[in-house]
Structures are given as C-alpha cells and as structure tokens.
Amino acid sequence: MIKLKIATITSLLCLSITGIAFAGDMESKETKIARAVSAAPGSISDKATVMDLDGAILREGSNGWTCMPGVRLIPGNKFPMCNDATWMAWMKAAANNEPFSTETIGYSYMLMGDGAVNNDDPASKNPCDGGVWVKEGPHLMLLMPKEQMEDLKNNPFAGGPYIMWGDTPLFHVMVPLSSHNKMSR
C-alpha cells in the first residue's frame, strides 16, 4: 500500500513538472524584460539586449550581452539568463544541434537559479527518467576550451565549480554562488 502511494505521488509529480512546459505565455513585454534582467548584475543587464524565447528582441542593448526571460532550449522555462556573445553562439549551436568550440572564455549569469537539469544528459527532459538531476540556485556558467577543465569534477554535490554535460559537445562549467536549492534524483 505504501509503495502504491509513493508511486502515485511520484507519477503526479512527474505529470505536474512536465505540464509546466505547456502553460500559456500571456506575460507582458515589461514582465519578460524585468525577469530577464534579473539574471545578471545591473552593471551588465541594464544595457543588455533583451531577447524573448522566440528570438524577438524586446529591448535593444548596447553592451554585447543578451538577457532572456528563460532558457530558449527548454520549452516553458522561466529561469532568466544573461549571456555574452560566446554563450549566445553556444545557444545557437545547441538549438541547431551543431558542434561548438571556443578558444575564449564565455560567461552566462543565472542569478535567479535554474530548473531541474540532468547533469549528464542535455537531452533528458523528464526528472522521472533517472540520472543525476540538479536544481541549481544562483550561478555563473563558463565556456572554455575543454583542456582548461581537466581538474574539475562533474559532481554537482562535491562543492565548488563542476562540469555539466561533460561527455557531450555542450560541456560547460557551473559555478554555484549559493549552496541553496540543490536537489538530486
């Protein structure tokens, strides 16, 4: 009986998590801009371009940064991010399933945290499928040549920076700025 209740609760949780992605998008432009710029320090986001999830420009910027009200790669995501040009190139490559590499360091801020993500498999969209899932609080993400990451671990629970999606072309460094909101599954 207890196993049946746990299975039922788990199934309902999984359905509610996947259902969030299908919620309607009735937000105003101002609401989206406010959420997008909350992803980075004002010294960056105040002059950043703000791009909606469909690629439409909500506000022109002047400093080379792009803030978004969610992560374009994840339908329904409302965790904002601000990216430099290197990260925007990474986002484009990821969206088009194209290879990406860089010789420069790229920066992305997600000061409002992120939703649950599989640390090993970027294609995994359902936390009910298993794997190592992480819900990271405020963090910075870095792109760099892979050889510069040799000393980093891929364990998000070891403390400090770690590699996400290390065995894929979408590898990057996660730098937690808070120890809150971590989860595993």
N, C-alpha and C. Protein backbone atom coordinates (compact mmCIF):
# COMPACT_ATOMS: atom_id res chain seq x y z
N MET A 1 0.82 -1.19 0.00
CA MET A 1 0.00 0.00 0.00
C MET A 1 0.87 1.26 0.00
N ILE A 2 1.93 1.27 0.80
CA ILE A 2 2.82 2.43 0.85
C ILE A 2 3.53 2.61 -0.48
N LYS A 3 3.98 1.49 -1.09
CA LYS A 3 4.65 1.59 -2.39
C LYS A 3 3.71 2.15 -3.44
N LEU A 4 2.42 1.76 -3.39
CA LEU A 4 1.44 2.27 -4.34
C LEU A 4 1.25 3.77 -4.16
N LYS A 5 1.18 4.25 -2.91
CA LYS A 5 1.03 5.68 -2.65
C LYS A 5 2.25 6.45 -3.14
N ILE A 6 3.44 5.92 -2.89
CA ILE A 6 4.67 6.59 -3.35
C ILE A 6 4.69 6.64 -4.87
N ALA A 7 4.32 5.54 -5.52
CA ALA A 7 4.29 5.52 -6.98
C ALA A 7 3.28 6.51 -7.52
N THR A 8 2.14 6.63 -6.88
CA THR A 8 1.11 7.57 -7.31
C THR A 8 1.59 9.00 -7.14
N ILE A 9 2.18 9.30 -6.00
CA ILE A 9 2.70 10.65 -5.75
C ILE A 9 3.80 10.99 -6.75
N THR A 10 4.70 10.05 -7.01
CA THR A 10 5.78 10.26 -7.97
C THR A 10 5.21 10.52 -9.36
N SER A 11 4.21 9.75 -9.76
CA SER A 11 3.59 9.94 -11.08
C SER A 11 2.94 11.31 -11.18
N LEU A 12 2.22 11.73 -10.15
CA LEU A 12 1.58 13.04 -10.16
C LEU A 12 2.61 14.16 -10.22
N LEU A 13 3.70 14.01 -9.47
CA LEU A 13 4.77 14.99 -9.51
C LEU A 13 5.36 15.10 -10.90
N CYS A 14 5.63 13.97 -11.52
CA CYS A 14 6.19 13.97 -12.88
C CYS A 14 5.24 14.62 -13.87
N LEU A 15 3.95 14.34 -13.76
CA LEU A 15 2.97 14.95 -14.64
C LEU A 15 2.91 16.46 -14.43
N SER A 16 2.98 16.90 -13.18
CA SER A 16 2.92 18.33 -12.91
C SER A 16 4.17 19.03 -13.42
N ILE A 17 5.33 18.41 -13.30
CA ILE A 17 6.57 19.00 -13.79
C ILE A 17 6.53 19.13 -15.30
N THR A 18 6.09 18.09 -16.00
CA THR A 18 6.05 18.16 -17.47
C THR A 18 4.93 19.07 -17.94
N GLY A 19 3.86 19.20 -17.15
CA GLY A 19 2.76 20.08 -17.53
C GLY A 19 3.13 21.54 -17.50
N ILE A 20 4.09 21.92 -16.69
CA ILE A 20 4.52 23.31 -16.60
C ILE A 20 5.00 23.81 -17.96
N ALA A 21 5.62 22.95 -18.75
CA ALA A 21 6.15 23.35 -20.04
C ALA A 21 5.05 23.75 -21.01
N PHE A 22 3.81 23.34 -20.76
CA PHE A 22 2.73 23.64 -21.69
C PHE A 22 1.87 24.81 -21.24
N ALA A 23 2.26 25.50 -20.18
CA ALA A 23 1.50 26.64 -19.69
C ALA A 23 1.52 27.75 -20.72
N GLY A 24 0.41 28.46 -20.85
CA GLY A 24 0.31 29.54 -21.83
C GLY A 24 1.24 30.68 -21.50
N ASP A 25 1.63 31.44 -22.54
CA ASP A 25 2.54 32.56 -22.37
C ASP A 25 1.77 33.85 -22.58
N MET A 26 1.19 34.37 -21.50
CA MET A 26 0.38 35.57 -21.57
C MET A 26 1.05 36.75 -20.86
N GLU A 27 2.35 36.70 -20.71
CA GLU A 27 3.07 37.75 -19.99
C GLU A 27 3.27 38.98 -20.85
N SER A 28 3.29 40.13 -20.19
CA SER A 28 3.56 41.37 -20.90
C SER A 28 5.05 41.47 -21.24
N LYS A 29 5.34 42.33 -22.19
CA LYS A 29 6.73 42.61 -22.57
C LYS A 29 7.51 43.11 -21.36
N GLU A 30 6.90 43.99 -20.57
CA GLU A 30 7.57 44.56 -19.40
C GLU A 30 7.90 43.49 -18.37
N THR A 31 6.99 42.53 -18.16
CA THR A 31 7.23 41.44 -17.22
C THR A 31 8.40 40.58 -17.68
N LYS A 32 8.43 40.28 -18.97
CA LYS A 32 9.53 39.46 -19.51
C LYS A 32 10.86 40.19 -19.39
N ILE A 33 10.86 41.48 -19.67
CA ILE A 33 12.11 42.25 -19.56
C ILE A 33 12.58 42.28 -18.11
N ALA A 34 11.67 42.53 -17.19
CA ALA A 34 12.05 42.58 -15.77
C ALA A 34 12.64 41.25 -15.31
N ARG A 35 12.04 40.14 -15.72
CA ARG A 35 12.58 38.85 -15.33
C ARG A 35 13.93 38.60 -16.00
N ALA A 36 14.05 38.93 -17.27
CA ALA A 36 15.30 38.70 -18.00
C ALA A 36 16.47 39.44 -17.36
N VAL A 37 16.29 40.70 -17.01
CA VAL A 37 17.41 41.49 -16.48
C VAL A 37 17.75 41.11 -15.04
N SER A 38 16.88 40.34 -14.38
CA SER A 38 17.18 39.90 -13.02
C SER A 38 18.25 38.80 -12.99
N ALA A 39 18.64 38.30 -14.15
CA ALA A 39 19.59 37.19 -14.22
C ALA A 39 21.03 37.60 -13.96
N ALA A 40 21.36 38.88 -14.12
CA ALA A 40 22.76 39.32 -14.01
C ALA A 40 22.83 40.60 -13.19
N PRO A 41 24.04 40.94 -12.75
CA PRO A 41 24.20 42.22 -12.05
C PRO A 41 23.76 43.37 -12.96
N GLY A 42 23.24 44.44 -12.36
CA GLY A 42 22.77 45.59 -13.12
C GLY A 42 23.85 46.19 -14.02
N SER A 43 25.11 46.07 -13.63
CA SER A 43 26.19 46.61 -14.45
C SER A 43 26.25 45.93 -15.82
N ILE A 44 25.66 44.75 -15.92
CA ILE A 44 25.57 44.02 -17.19
C ILE A 44 24.18 44.16 -17.78
N SER A 45 23.15 43.83 -16.99
CA SER A 45 21.79 43.72 -17.53
C SER A 45 21.15 45.06 -17.88
N ASP A 46 21.58 46.15 -17.26
CA ASP A 46 20.97 47.45 -17.54
C ASP A 46 21.14 47.88 -19.00
N LYS A 47 22.23 47.45 -19.62
CA LYS A 47 22.49 47.85 -21.01
C LYS A 47 22.49 46.66 -21.97
N ALA A 48 21.97 45.53 -21.52
CA ALA A 48 21.93 44.32 -22.35
C ALA A 48 20.73 44.34 -23.27
N THR A 49 20.86 43.68 -24.41
CA THR A 49 19.71 43.41 -25.27
C THR A 49 18.86 42.39 -24.55
N VAL A 50 17.54 42.51 -24.65
CA VAL A 50 16.65 41.52 -24.07
C VAL A 50 15.93 40.82 -25.22
N MET A 51 16.10 39.49 -25.27
CA MET A 51 15.53 38.66 -26.32
C MET A 51 14.50 37.72 -25.73
N ASP A 52 13.33 37.64 -26.36
CA ASP A 52 12.30 36.71 -25.92
C ASP A 52 12.69 35.29 -26.33
N LEU A 53 11.96 34.32 -25.81
CA LEU A 53 12.29 32.92 -26.08
C LEU A 53 12.14 32.57 -27.56
N ASP A 54 11.30 33.30 -28.30
CA ASP A 54 11.13 33.03 -29.73
C ASP A 54 12.14 33.77 -30.58
N GLY A 55 13.06 34.51 -29.95
CA GLY A 55 14.10 35.24 -30.67
C GLY A 55 13.76 36.70 -30.93
N ALA A 56 12.53 37.11 -30.63
CA ALA A 56 12.14 38.51 -30.84
C ALA A 56 12.89 39.40 -29.84
N ILE A 57 13.34 40.54 -30.32
CA ILE A 57 14.04 41.49 -29.47
C ILE A 57 13.00 42.34 -28.72
N LEU A 58 13.05 42.25 -27.39
CA LEU A 58 12.14 43.01 -26.54
C LEU A 58 12.70 44.38 -26.19
N ARG A 59 14.04 44.47 -26.18
CA ARG A 59 14.71 45.74 -25.88
C ARG A 59 16.10 45.68 -26.49
N GLU A 60 16.47 46.72 -27.22
CA GLU A 60 17.82 46.81 -27.78
C GLU A 60 18.80 47.17 -26.68
N GLY A 61 20.00 46.63 -26.76
CA GLY A 61 21.04 46.94 -25.79
C GLY A 61 22.27 47.50 -26.47
N SER A 62 23.29 47.79 -25.65
CA SER A 62 24.48 48.43 -26.21
C SER A 62 25.79 47.84 -25.69
N ASN A 63 25.74 46.77 -24.89
CA ASN A 63 27.00 46.29 -24.30
C ASN A 63 27.43 44.89 -24.76
N GLY A 64 26.75 44.30 -25.73
CA GLY A 64 27.14 42.99 -26.24
C GLY A 64 26.57 41.82 -25.47
N TRP A 65 25.83 42.05 -24.40
CA TRP A 65 25.20 40.98 -23.62
C TRP A 65 23.76 40.82 -24.07
N THR A 66 23.24 39.59 -23.91
CA THR A 66 21.83 39.31 -24.23
C THR A 66 21.20 38.61 -23.04
N CYS A 67 20.12 39.18 -22.54
CA CYS A 67 19.37 38.57 -21.43
C CYS A 67 18.06 38.02 -21.97
N MET A 68 17.64 36.90 -21.43
CA MET A 68 16.40 36.24 -21.86
C MET A 68 15.57 35.89 -20.62
N PRO A 69 14.23 35.92 -20.76
CA PRO A 69 13.36 35.63 -19.62
C PRO A 69 13.27 34.14 -19.29
N GLY A 70 13.99 33.33 -20.01
CA GLY A 70 14.02 31.88 -19.78
C GLY A 70 15.10 31.28 -20.66
N VAL A 71 15.29 29.99 -20.54
CA VAL A 71 16.29 29.29 -21.35
C VAL A 71 15.61 28.82 -22.63
N ARG A 72 16.04 29.35 -23.76
CA ARG A 72 15.40 29.06 -25.05
C ARG A 72 15.38 27.58 -25.38
N LEU A 73 16.34 26.82 -24.89
CA LEU A 73 16.44 25.41 -25.23
C LEU A 73 15.41 24.55 -24.50
N ILE A 74 14.74 25.11 -23.50
CA ILE A 74 13.82 24.33 -22.67
C ILE A 74 12.44 24.97 -22.74
N PRO A 75 11.49 24.38 -23.49
CA PRO A 75 10.16 24.96 -23.62
C PRO A 75 9.51 25.20 -22.25
N GLY A 76 8.92 26.39 -22.10
CA GLY A 76 8.24 26.73 -20.85
C GLY A 76 9.14 27.20 -19.74
N ASN A 77 10.45 27.21 -19.94
CA ASN A 77 11.39 27.60 -18.90
C ASN A 77 11.27 29.09 -18.62
N LYS A 78 11.23 29.45 -17.34
CA LYS A 78 11.14 30.86 -16.95
C LYS A 78 12.27 31.24 -15.99
N PHE A 79 13.40 30.56 -16.11
CA PHE A 79 14.58 30.93 -15.33
C PHE A 79 15.46 31.79 -16.22
N PRO A 80 15.59 33.08 -15.91
CA PRO A 80 16.28 34.00 -16.79
C PRO A 80 17.78 33.78 -16.83
N MET A 81 18.36 34.20 -17.95
CA MET A 81 19.81 34.12 -18.11
C MET A 81 20.29 35.32 -18.91
N CYS A 82 21.55 35.72 -18.67
CA CYS A 82 22.21 36.78 -19.43
C CYS A 82 23.52 36.21 -19.95
N ASN A 83 23.71 36.31 -21.28
CA ASN A 83 24.85 35.68 -21.95
C ASN A 83 25.71 36.68 -22.69
N ASP A 84 27.01 36.41 -22.70
CA ASP A 84 27.89 37.17 -23.57
C ASP A 84 27.81 36.56 -24.97
N ALA A 85 28.57 37.11 -25.91
CA ALA A 85 28.50 36.65 -27.31
C ALA A 85 28.91 35.19 -27.47
N THR A 86 29.87 34.74 -26.68
CA THR A 86 30.31 33.34 -26.76
C THR A 86 29.18 32.40 -26.37
N TRP A 87 28.49 32.74 -25.28
CA TRP A 87 27.36 31.90 -24.85
C TRP A 87 26.21 31.95 -25.84
N MET A 88 25.99 33.09 -26.48
CA MET A 88 24.93 33.15 -27.49
C MET A 88 25.27 32.25 -28.67
N ALA A 89 26.54 32.18 -29.04
CA ALA A 89 26.96 31.27 -30.11
C ALA A 89 26.74 29.82 -29.67
N TRP A 90 27.03 29.51 -28.40
CA TRP A 90 26.79 28.17 -27.84
C TRP A 90 25.30 27.84 -27.90
N MET A 91 24.45 28.81 -27.49
CA MET A 91 23.00 28.60 -27.50
C MET A 91 22.51 28.30 -28.92
N LYS A 92 23.02 29.03 -29.89
CA LYS A 92 22.61 28.81 -31.29
C LYS A 92 23.04 27.42 -31.76
N ALA A 93 24.28 27.05 -31.45
CA ALA A 93 24.77 25.72 -31.84
C ALA A 93 23.94 24.62 -31.17
N ALA A 94 23.64 24.79 -29.89
CA ALA A 94 22.85 23.79 -29.17
C ALA A 94 21.45 23.67 -29.76
N ALA A 95 20.82 24.80 -30.08
CA ALA A 95 19.47 24.79 -30.64
C ALA A 95 19.43 24.12 -32.01
N ASN A 96 20.52 24.26 -32.77
CA ASN A 96 20.58 23.67 -34.12
C ASN A 96 21.28 22.32 -34.15
N ASN A 97 21.60 21.80 -32.97
CA ASN A 97 22.29 20.51 -32.86
C ASN A 97 23.58 20.50 -33.69
N GLU A 98 24.33 21.59 -33.57
CA GLU A 98 25.59 21.75 -34.29
C GLU A 98 26.75 21.71 -33.30
N PRO A 99 27.93 21.35 -33.76
CA PRO A 99 29.09 21.35 -32.86
C PRO A 99 29.46 22.77 -32.44
N PHE A 100 30.09 22.86 -31.29
CA PHE A 100 30.54 24.16 -30.78
C PHE A 100 31.90 23.98 -30.14
N SER A 101 32.76 24.95 -30.33
CA SER A 101 34.02 25.00 -29.60
C SER A 101 34.39 26.47 -29.47
N THR A 102 35.25 26.73 -28.50
CA THR A 102 35.68 28.12 -28.29
C THR A 102 37.11 28.14 -27.80
N GLU A 103 37.80 29.19 -28.13
CA GLU A 103 39.14 29.42 -27.63
C GLU A 103 39.13 30.54 -26.60
N THR A 104 37.96 31.13 -26.38
CA THR A 104 37.82 32.20 -25.40
C THR A 104 36.91 31.74 -24.26
N ILE A 105 36.94 32.46 -23.16
CA ILE A 105 36.04 32.15 -22.05
C ILE A 105 34.73 32.87 -22.30
N GLY A 106 33.63 32.13 -22.15
CA GLY A 106 32.30 32.70 -22.28
C GLY A 106 31.62 32.73 -20.92
N TYR A 107 30.77 33.74 -20.71
CA TYR A 107 30.12 33.93 -19.41
C TYR A 107 28.60 33.97 -19.57
N SER A 108 27.92 33.33 -18.64
CA SER A 108 26.47 33.38 -18.57
C SER A 108 26.06 33.46 -17.11
N TYR A 109 25.19 34.40 -16.80
CA TYR A 109 24.68 34.55 -15.44
C TYR A 109 23.26 33.98 -15.35
N MET A 110 23.01 33.28 -14.25
CA MET A 110 21.66 32.83 -13.90
C MET A 110 21.49 33.07 -12.40
N LEU A 111 21.40 34.35 -12.03
CA LEU A 111 21.35 34.71 -10.62
C LEU A 111 20.01 34.36 -9.96
N MET A 112 19.01 34.03 -10.75
CA MET A 112 17.72 33.62 -10.20
C MET A 112 17.61 32.09 -10.13
N GLY A 113 18.70 31.39 -10.41
CA GLY A 113 18.71 29.93 -10.36
C GLY A 113 18.22 29.32 -11.65
N ASP A 114 17.99 28.01 -11.59
CA ASP A 114 17.57 27.26 -12.77
C ASP A 114 16.64 26.14 -12.34
N GLY A 115 15.94 25.59 -13.28
CA GLY A 115 15.09 24.43 -13.02
C GLY A 115 15.92 23.17 -12.94
N ALA A 116 15.27 22.07 -12.67
CA ALA A 116 15.96 20.78 -12.58
C ALA A 116 16.51 20.40 -13.95
N VAL A 117 17.80 20.03 -13.98
CA VAL A 117 18.50 19.66 -15.20
C VAL A 117 19.30 18.39 -14.94
N ASN A 118 19.32 17.50 -15.92
CA ASN A 118 20.14 16.30 -15.81
C ASN A 118 21.59 16.71 -16.04
N ASN A 119 22.46 16.46 -15.07
CA ASN A 119 23.86 16.91 -15.15
C ASN A 119 24.68 16.18 -16.21
N ASP A 120 24.22 15.02 -16.65
CA ASP A 120 24.98 14.23 -17.62
C ASP A 120 24.41 14.27 -19.03
N ASP A 121 23.10 14.46 -19.15
CA ASP A 121 22.43 14.30 -20.44
C ASP A 121 21.58 15.53 -20.77
N PRO A 122 22.04 16.40 -21.67
CA PRO A 122 21.28 17.60 -22.00
C PRO A 122 19.96 17.29 -22.70
N ALA A 123 19.82 16.12 -23.29
CA ALA A 123 18.59 15.75 -23.99
C ALA A 123 17.50 15.27 -23.04
N SER A 124 17.86 14.91 -21.83
CA SER A 124 16.89 14.40 -20.87
C SER A 124 16.02 15.55 -20.37
N LYS A 125 14.72 15.39 -20.51
CA LYS A 125 13.78 16.45 -20.13
C LYS A 125 12.88 16.05 -18.97
N ASN A 126 12.93 14.81 -18.53
CA ASN A 126 12.00 14.32 -17.53
C ASN A 126 12.75 13.79 -16.31
N PRO A 127 12.65 14.47 -15.17
CA PRO A 127 13.34 14.01 -13.96
C PRO A 127 12.92 12.62 -13.51
N CYS A 128 11.81 12.16 -14.02
CA CYS A 128 11.32 10.83 -13.65
C CYS A 128 12.07 9.72 -14.39
N ASP A 129 12.92 10.09 -15.35
CA ASP A 129 13.68 9.11 -16.12
C ASP A 129 14.96 8.66 -15.43
N GLY A 130 15.28 9.24 -14.27
CA GLY A 130 16.50 8.87 -13.56
C GLY A 130 17.65 9.79 -13.91
N GLY A 131 18.85 9.39 -13.56
CA GLY A 131 20.03 10.21 -13.81
C GLY A 131 20.31 11.13 -12.63
N VAL A 132 21.37 11.92 -12.76
CA VAL A 132 21.75 12.88 -11.73
C VAL A 132 21.13 14.23 -12.09
N TRP A 133 20.10 14.60 -11.37
CA TRP A 133 19.40 15.86 -11.62
C TRP A 133 19.83 16.90 -10.60
N VAL A 134 19.98 18.14 -11.07
CA VAL A 134 20.42 19.23 -10.22
C VAL A 134 19.48 20.42 -10.44
N LYS A 135 19.04 21.00 -9.36
CA LYS A 135 18.32 22.28 -9.41
C LYS A 135 19.25 23.28 -8.74
N GLU A 136 19.93 24.03 -9.54
CA GLU A 136 20.97 24.93 -9.04
C GLU A 136 20.37 26.28 -8.68
N GLY A 137 20.82 26.84 -7.56
CA GLY A 137 20.44 28.19 -7.18
C GLY A 137 21.22 29.19 -8.02
N PRO A 138 21.44 30.40 -7.55
CA PRO A 138 22.18 31.40 -8.32
C PRO A 138 23.54 30.85 -8.75
N HIS A 139 23.86 31.05 -10.03
CA HIS A 139 25.13 30.53 -10.52
C HIS A 139 25.61 31.30 -11.76
N LEU A 140 26.88 31.10 -12.02
CA LEU A 140 27.55 31.61 -13.21
C LEU A 140 27.95 30.38 -14.02
N MET A 141 27.86 30.47 -15.33
CA MET A 141 28.30 29.37 -16.19
C MET A 141 29.43 29.87 -17.08
N LEU A 142 30.41 28.99 -17.29
CA LEU A 142 31.58 29.36 -18.09
C LEU A 142 31.78 28.39 -19.23
N LEU A 143 32.15 28.92 -20.37
CA LEU A 143 32.60 28.12 -21.50
C LEU A 143 34.09 28.38 -21.67
N MET A 144 34.81 27.35 -22.03
CA MET A 144 36.25 27.48 -22.26
C MET A 144 36.73 26.24 -22.98
N PRO A 145 37.93 26.25 -23.51
CA PRO A 145 38.46 25.03 -24.11
C PRO A 145 38.47 23.89 -23.08
N LYS A 146 38.12 22.70 -23.52
CA LYS A 146 37.98 21.57 -22.60
C LYS A 146 39.26 21.26 -21.83
N GLU A 147 40.41 21.47 -22.44
CA GLU A 147 41.67 21.17 -21.74
C GLU A 147 41.87 22.06 -20.51
N GLN A 148 41.18 23.18 -20.45
CA GLN A 148 41.27 24.04 -19.27
C GLN A 148 40.39 23.54 -18.12
N MET A 149 39.59 22.52 -18.37
CA MET A 149 38.68 21.98 -17.36
C MET A 149 39.17 20.68 -16.74
N GLU A 150 40.35 20.26 -17.09
CA GLU A 150 40.84 18.93 -16.69
C GLU A 150 40.76 18.65 -15.19
N ASP A 151 40.96 19.65 -14.35
CA ASP A 151 40.98 19.42 -12.91
C ASP A 151 39.61 19.51 -12.24
N LEU A 152 38.58 19.83 -13.01
CA LEU A 152 37.24 19.95 -12.44
C LEU A 152 36.52 18.61 -12.43
N LYS A 153 35.68 18.41 -11.45
CA LYS A 153 34.87 17.20 -11.35
C LYS A 153 33.52 17.45 -12.01
N ASN A 154 32.79 16.36 -12.27
CA ASN A 154 31.45 16.52 -12.80
C ASN A 154 30.38 16.27 -11.74
N ASN A 155 30.80 16.25 -10.47
CA ASN A 155 29.88 16.00 -9.36
C ASN A 155 29.33 17.32 -8.83
N PRO A 156 28.04 17.61 -9.05
CA PRO A 156 27.48 18.87 -8.58
C PRO A 156 27.34 18.97 -7.06
N PHE A 157 27.57 17.87 -6.36
CA PHE A 157 27.37 17.86 -4.91
C PHE A 157 28.69 17.83 -4.14
N ALA A 158 29.82 17.94 -4.84
CA ALA A 158 31.14 17.90 -4.20
C ALA A 158 31.55 19.25 -3.63
N GLY A 159 30.86 20.30 -4.02
CA GLY A 159 31.20 21.65 -3.56
C GLY A 159 32.07 22.35 -4.58
N GLY A 160 31.77 23.58 -4.86
CA GLY A 160 32.55 24.37 -5.81
C GLY A 160 32.12 24.15 -7.25
N PRO A 161 32.90 24.70 -8.18
CA PRO A 161 32.58 24.56 -9.60
C PRO A 161 32.61 23.10 -10.04
N TYR A 162 31.81 22.79 -11.05
CA TYR A 162 31.77 21.43 -11.60
C TYR A 162 31.42 21.49 -13.08
N ILE A 163 31.67 20.40 -13.77
CA ILE A 163 31.37 20.32 -15.19
C ILE A 163 29.97 19.74 -15.37
N MET A 164 29.19 20.40 -16.20
CA MET A 164 27.88 19.89 -16.61
C MET A 164 27.99 19.42 -18.05
N TRP A 165 27.35 18.32 -18.34
CA TRP A 165 27.29 17.73 -19.68
C TRP A 165 28.69 17.47 -20.24
N GLY A 166 29.59 17.00 -19.37
CA GLY A 166 31.00 16.83 -19.70
C GLY A 166 31.32 15.88 -20.83
N ASP A 167 30.49 14.88 -21.04
CA ASP A 167 30.76 13.92 -22.11
C ASP A 167 29.99 14.25 -23.38
N THR A 168 29.54 15.49 -23.51
CA THR A 168 28.82 15.92 -24.70
C THR A 168 29.49 17.16 -25.28
N PRO A 169 29.15 17.53 -26.50
CA PRO A 169 29.70 18.76 -27.07
C PRO A 169 29.22 20.02 -26.35
N LEU A 170 28.22 19.90 -25.48
CA LEU A 170 27.64 21.05 -24.78
C LEU A 170 28.24 21.26 -23.39
N PHE A 171 29.41 20.67 -23.12
CA PHE A 171 30.03 20.77 -21.81
C PHE A 171 30.27 22.23 -21.43
N HIS A 172 30.14 22.51 -20.13
CA HIS A 172 30.43 23.84 -19.60
C HIS A 172 30.65 23.73 -18.10
N VAL A 173 31.17 24.79 -17.51
CA VAL A 173 31.45 24.82 -16.08
C VAL A 173 30.32 25.54 -15.37
N MET A 174 29.84 24.93 -14.30
CA MET A 174 28.84 25.54 -13.43
C MET A 174 29.58 26.06 -12.20
N VAL A 175 29.32 27.31 -11.84
CA VAL A 175 29.93 27.92 -10.65
C VAL A 175 28.80 28.36 -9.72
N PRO A 176 28.44 27.50 -8.75
CA PRO A 176 27.38 27.88 -7.82
C PRO A 176 27.77 29.10 -7.00
N LEU A 177 26.81 29.99 -6.81
CA LEU A 177 27.05 31.17 -6.00
C LEU A 177 26.32 31.08 -4.66
N SER A 178 25.64 29.96 -4.45
CA SER A 178 24.89 29.71 -3.22
C SER A 178 24.79 28.20 -3.05
N SER A 179 24.67 27.74 -1.84
CA SER A 179 24.52 26.29 -1.62
C SER A 179 23.06 25.89 -1.54
N HIS A 180 22.15 26.81 -1.76
CA HIS A 180 20.73 26.52 -1.66
C HIS A 180 20.17 25.94 -2.96
N ASN A 181 19.05 25.27 -2.86
CA ASN A 181 18.27 24.77 -3.98
C ASN A 181 18.86 23.59 -4.72
N LYS A 182 19.86 22.93 -4.17
CA LYS A 182 20.38 21.73 -4.83
C LYS A 182 19.41 20.58 -4.60
N MET A 183 19.29 19.73 -5.58
CA MET A 183 18.49 18.52 -5.44
C MET A 183 19.15 17.43 -6.26
N SER A 184 18.89 16.22 -5.93
CA SER A 184 19.36 15.11 -6.77
C SER A 184 18.23 14.12 -6.87
N ARG A 185 18.30 13.29 -7.84
CA ARG A 185 17.28 12.27 -8.03
C ARG A 185 17.96 10.98 -8.42
